[in-house]
Every structure is written in C-alpha cells, then in structure tokens.
Amino acid sequence: MPSPSPVGDSPERDAFHPDLPDVPGHDAPAPLRARLHHIRAGELDGDTAQTGGMRRFAAISGSSVGSERIWMGQTHVAPETASSNHHHGASETAIHVVKGHPEFVFLDDSTGTPEEVRLRTAPGDYIFVPPFVPHREENPSPDEEAVVVIARSTQEAIVVNLPELYVLDQDAPPEEDA
C-alpha cells in the first residue's frame, strides 16, 4: 500500500496527522503516545521480571512504548523444564501458545479439597490467568522449546515468585508479596 501523500504544500507533514511533528529536520519528535510503534522480533527486551525455569521478553511496556494499561511479550520454557511457582499481582494475564505443548499448573479447591490441575495446551490455544492466582508453566517435551505470547493488563510485567502453589482465597483481599 503506498504511503499517503503529504497535506498541502508541506512535505514535512503526515497526511493523517498534519500537526504531528516527527520528520527529519524537525526539532521535536512525536511523544511516545502520539504514534504507532513497531517492535521487531529481534528487539524484544530480556531485562524484565523473571521466574526461574523460563525467560520473559518484553515487547510492549510502559518503558518501551509508553503503554499505560498493557504489557505484552513472550515467554520461553526450555524442554523438560518447569518454572518456579508465581503469580502476577493485580494483573490479568492472557496467554497464546505459539510453539510446543506447555502445561499450566494451579491448585483448585472447588471440590473442597485442594487439587493440582494441569491445563495441557497446543499451538493456537489460549489461557487466562486471573489476578493473584498462583501457577507455574511446565514444558514436558524432551526436545522442543515452548513459546507463548503474553498480554497483561498492567504496563509492566508484575511477577511475584512463590515457594509453593496455594489456593487463592476468594473471600480475603489479596496481599502483595514483597
């Protein structure tokens, strides 16, 4: 698709946003929240909150693009590896499985007795993790890395690592772990 032509006689203006400066030779670049951002696959940032057994890479965050209500990135889990137990604070988390067959593990006590539940996934599947719910990711494959794309409802990746899984008490307000 061809680029839109500039408005009026000024070649320094964007046809859709003629009052938005961000052209060569112009003094002020557009603010982070006044433009689209393209983050290439090779530009993901590994300097984000981490959990043992996995690697998180940020693509969209408050620091990278100025987002205020979303964080997005990738998680990689090596073959035959399990992450540490963790939760993501007040952040809602949506997960899309891209590669491999990762398993998502949490405790459920809907029957009155806490029971470990494993959600076995395949490429194309989605997982939703509510705020504060302790869980872990496992990759049982002996030879294939598991890769997922993650979106969170906060601008940075909140990760609270835990010594063990526990059932989230829905009647008590969640406590922030330090």
Protein backbone atom coordinates (compact mmCIF):
# COMPACT_ATOMS: atom_id res chain seq x y z
CA MET A 1 0.00 0.00 0.00
CA PRO A 2 1.53 3.34 -0.96
CA SER A 3 2.23 5.95 1.71
CA PRO A 4 -0.27 8.78 1.94
CA SER A 5 0.85 11.97 0.32
CA PRO A 6 1.53 15.00 2.50
CA VAL A 7 -1.23 17.53 3.14
CA GLY A 8 -0.90 20.90 1.47
CA ASP A 9 2.46 22.16 0.28
CA SER A 10 4.46 20.95 3.29
CA PRO A 11 6.39 17.72 2.65
CA GLU A 12 7.14 17.62 6.38
CA ARG A 13 3.58 16.73 7.45
CA ASP A 14 1.88 13.37 7.81
CA ALA A 15 -1.29 13.22 5.68
CA PHE A 16 -3.33 11.77 8.53
CA HIS A 17 -1.86 13.90 11.33
CA PRO A 18 -0.63 17.12 9.72
CA ASP A 19 0.01 18.78 13.08
CA LEU A 20 2.16 15.90 14.41
CA PRO A 21 5.88 16.67 14.03
CA ASP A 22 8.24 13.74 13.54
CA VAL A 23 10.05 14.17 10.31
CA PRO A 24 13.73 14.53 9.50
CA GLY A 25 14.89 18.05 10.18
CA HIS A 26 12.04 18.80 12.55
CA ASP A 27 13.07 19.78 16.08
CA ALA A 28 10.71 17.75 18.27
CA PRO A 29 9.94 14.03 17.83
CA ALA A 30 6.40 12.91 18.48
CA PRO A 31 5.71 11.82 22.07
CA LEU A 32 5.55 8.04 22.69
CA ARG A 33 1.76 8.04 22.96
CA ALA A 34 1.16 10.03 19.77
CA ARG A 35 2.41 7.45 17.29
CA LEU A 36 2.47 3.75 16.42
CA HIS A 37 5.46 1.67 17.47
CA HIS A 38 6.98 -1.26 15.58
CA ILE A 39 8.89 -3.70 17.76
CA ARG A 40 10.72 -6.24 15.64
CA ALA A 41 11.16 -9.84 16.79
CA GLY A 42 14.88 -9.30 17.37
CA GLU A 43 14.26 -6.21 19.53
CA LEU A 44 12.46 -7.88 22.47
CA ASP A 45 13.86 -6.87 25.86
CA GLY A 46 15.00 -9.63 28.24
CA ASP A 47 15.56 -7.11 31.04
CA THR A 48 12.15 -7.71 32.62
CA ALA A 49 10.78 -9.54 35.67
CA GLN A 50 11.82 -13.20 35.56
CA THR A 51 10.89 -16.53 37.12
CA GLY A 52 13.27 -19.48 37.39
CA GLY A 53 12.87 -22.05 34.60
CA MET A 54 11.65 -19.60 31.98
CA ARG A 55 12.72 -16.44 30.14
CA ARG A 56 10.40 -13.48 29.61
CA PHE A 57 10.95 -10.95 26.84
CA ALA A 58 9.08 -7.63 26.78
CA ALA A 59 7.80 -6.16 23.54
CA ILE A 60 5.13 -3.66 24.64
CA SER A 61 5.57 -1.94 28.01
CA GLY A 62 5.43 1.42 29.69
CA SER A 63 9.15 1.88 29.28
CA SER A 64 9.37 0.70 25.66
CA VAL A 65 6.36 2.42 24.07
CA GLY A 66 4.65 4.42 26.81
CA SER A 67 1.76 1.98 27.32
CA GLU A 68 -0.32 2.69 30.42
CA ARG A 69 -2.60 -0.33 30.72
CA ILE A 70 -0.94 -3.21 28.87
CA TRP A 71 2.26 -5.25 28.82
CA MET A 72 2.95 -7.76 26.06
CA GLY A 73 5.82 -10.08 25.34
CA GLN A 74 6.97 -13.68 25.03
CA THR A 75 7.91 -16.44 27.42
CA HIS A 76 10.23 -19.29 26.50
CA VAL A 77 10.43 -22.53 28.52
CA ALA A 78 13.21 -24.97 27.65
CA PRO A 79 12.49 -28.68 27.11
CA GLU A 80 11.83 -30.75 30.25
CA THR A 81 11.70 -27.61 32.40
CA ALA A 82 9.22 -26.20 34.90
CA SER A 83 9.06 -22.60 36.01
CA SER A 84 9.03 -21.61 39.65
CA ASN A 85 5.63 -21.01 41.22
CA HIS A 86 4.49 -17.41 40.84
CA HIS A 87 1.58 -15.01 40.34
CA HIS A 88 1.20 -11.67 38.55
CA GLY A 89 -0.27 -9.43 41.25
CA ALA A 90 -3.30 -7.39 40.22
CA SER A 91 -2.58 -8.00 36.55
CA GLU A 92 -4.90 -10.09 34.37
CA THR A 93 -2.84 -12.26 32.02
CA ALA A 94 -3.81 -13.65 28.61
CA ILE A 95 -1.56 -16.29 27.05
CA HIS A 96 -1.45 -17.53 23.44
CA VAL A 97 0.53 -20.72 22.77
CA VAL A 98 2.76 -20.28 19.72
CA LYS A 99 5.05 -23.31 19.88
CA GLY A 100 5.20 -26.54 21.85
CA HIS A 101 2.80 -28.05 24.37
CA PRO A 102 3.28 -26.17 27.64
CA GLU A 103 1.25 -27.14 30.69
CA PHE A 104 -0.15 -24.57 33.11
CA VAL A 105 -0.47 -25.83 36.69
CA PHE A 106 -2.51 -24.38 39.58
CA LEU A 107 -4.42 -25.57 42.65
CA ASP A 108 -8.23 -25.80 42.56
CA ASP A 109 -10.35 -26.38 45.65
CA SER A 110 -13.82 -26.21 44.07
CA THR A 111 -14.46 -29.73 45.45
CA GLY A 112 -13.42 -28.68 48.97
CA THR A 113 -10.02 -30.36 48.75
CA PRO A 114 -7.12 -28.59 47.02
CA GLU A 115 -6.20 -30.50 43.89
CA GLU A 116 -3.43 -29.81 41.36
CA VAL A 117 -4.86 -29.09 37.92
CA ARG A 118 -2.82 -29.23 34.69
CA LEU A 119 -4.03 -27.45 31.59
CA ARG A 120 -2.32 -29.19 28.66
CA THR A 121 -2.08 -26.93 25.62
CA ALA A 122 -1.15 -26.95 21.94
CA PRO A 123 -0.21 -24.22 19.46
CA GLY A 124 -3.14 -21.88 18.91
CA ASP A 125 -4.62 -22.39 22.40
CA TYR A 126 -5.27 -19.55 24.86
CA ILE A 127 -5.04 -19.41 28.67
CA PHE A 128 -6.43 -16.74 31.00
CA VAL A 129 -4.78 -16.21 34.41
CA PRO A 130 -6.83 -14.08 36.85
CA PRO A 131 -5.05 -11.64 39.18
CA PHE A 132 -3.08 -13.11 42.11
CA VAL A 133 -3.67 -16.79 41.12
CA PRO A 134 -0.53 -18.85 41.89
CA HIS A 135 0.57 -21.06 39.00
CA ARG A 136 3.56 -22.36 37.07
CA GLU A 137 4.38 -23.30 33.49
CA GLU A 138 5.91 -26.65 32.57
CA ASN A 139 7.31 -27.94 29.32
CA PRO A 140 7.29 -31.76 29.36
CA SER A 141 8.72 -32.08 25.83
CA PRO A 142 12.16 -33.71 25.77
CA ASP A 143 13.31 -31.72 22.74
CA GLU A 144 11.02 -28.77 21.87
CA GLU A 145 11.07 -25.32 23.48
CA ALA A 146 7.65 -23.94 24.45
CA VAL A 147 6.95 -20.35 23.35
CA VAL A 148 3.91 -18.30 24.34
CA VAL A 149 2.83 -14.70 23.74
CA ILE A 150 1.60 -12.92 26.86
CA ALA A 151 -0.56 -9.83 27.33
CA ARG A 152 -1.08 -8.28 30.77
CA SER A 153 -3.43 -5.56 31.99
CA THR A 154 -0.59 -3.56 33.56
CA GLN A 155 2.13 -1.58 31.82
CA GLU A 156 4.97 -3.66 33.28
CA ALA A 157 5.40 -7.36 33.93
CA ILE A 158 4.42 -7.97 37.55
CA VAL A 159 5.93 -11.23 38.79
CA VAL A 160 5.76 -12.44 42.39
CA ASN A 161 7.77 -15.65 42.79
CA LEU A 162 6.43 -18.10 45.40
CA PRO A 163 7.87 -21.07 47.33
CA GLU A 164 4.78 -23.19 46.58
CA LEU A 165 1.34 -23.18 44.96
CA TYR A 166 -1.65 -22.37 47.14
CA VAL A 167 -5.35 -21.84 46.60
CA LEU A 168 -6.35 -18.22 46.26
CA ASP A 169 -8.87 -17.36 48.98
CA GLN A 170 -11.60 -15.51 47.08
CA ASP A 171 -13.09 -14.10 50.32
CA ALA A 172 -9.90 -12.41 51.53
CA PRO A 173 -8.33 -9.42 49.79
CA PRO A 174 -5.06 -10.44 48.10
CA GLU A 175 -1.86 -9.43 49.79
CA GLU A 176 1.05 -8.15 47.76
CA ASP A 177 4.08 -10.34 48.34
CA ALA A 178 7.33 -8.49 48.72
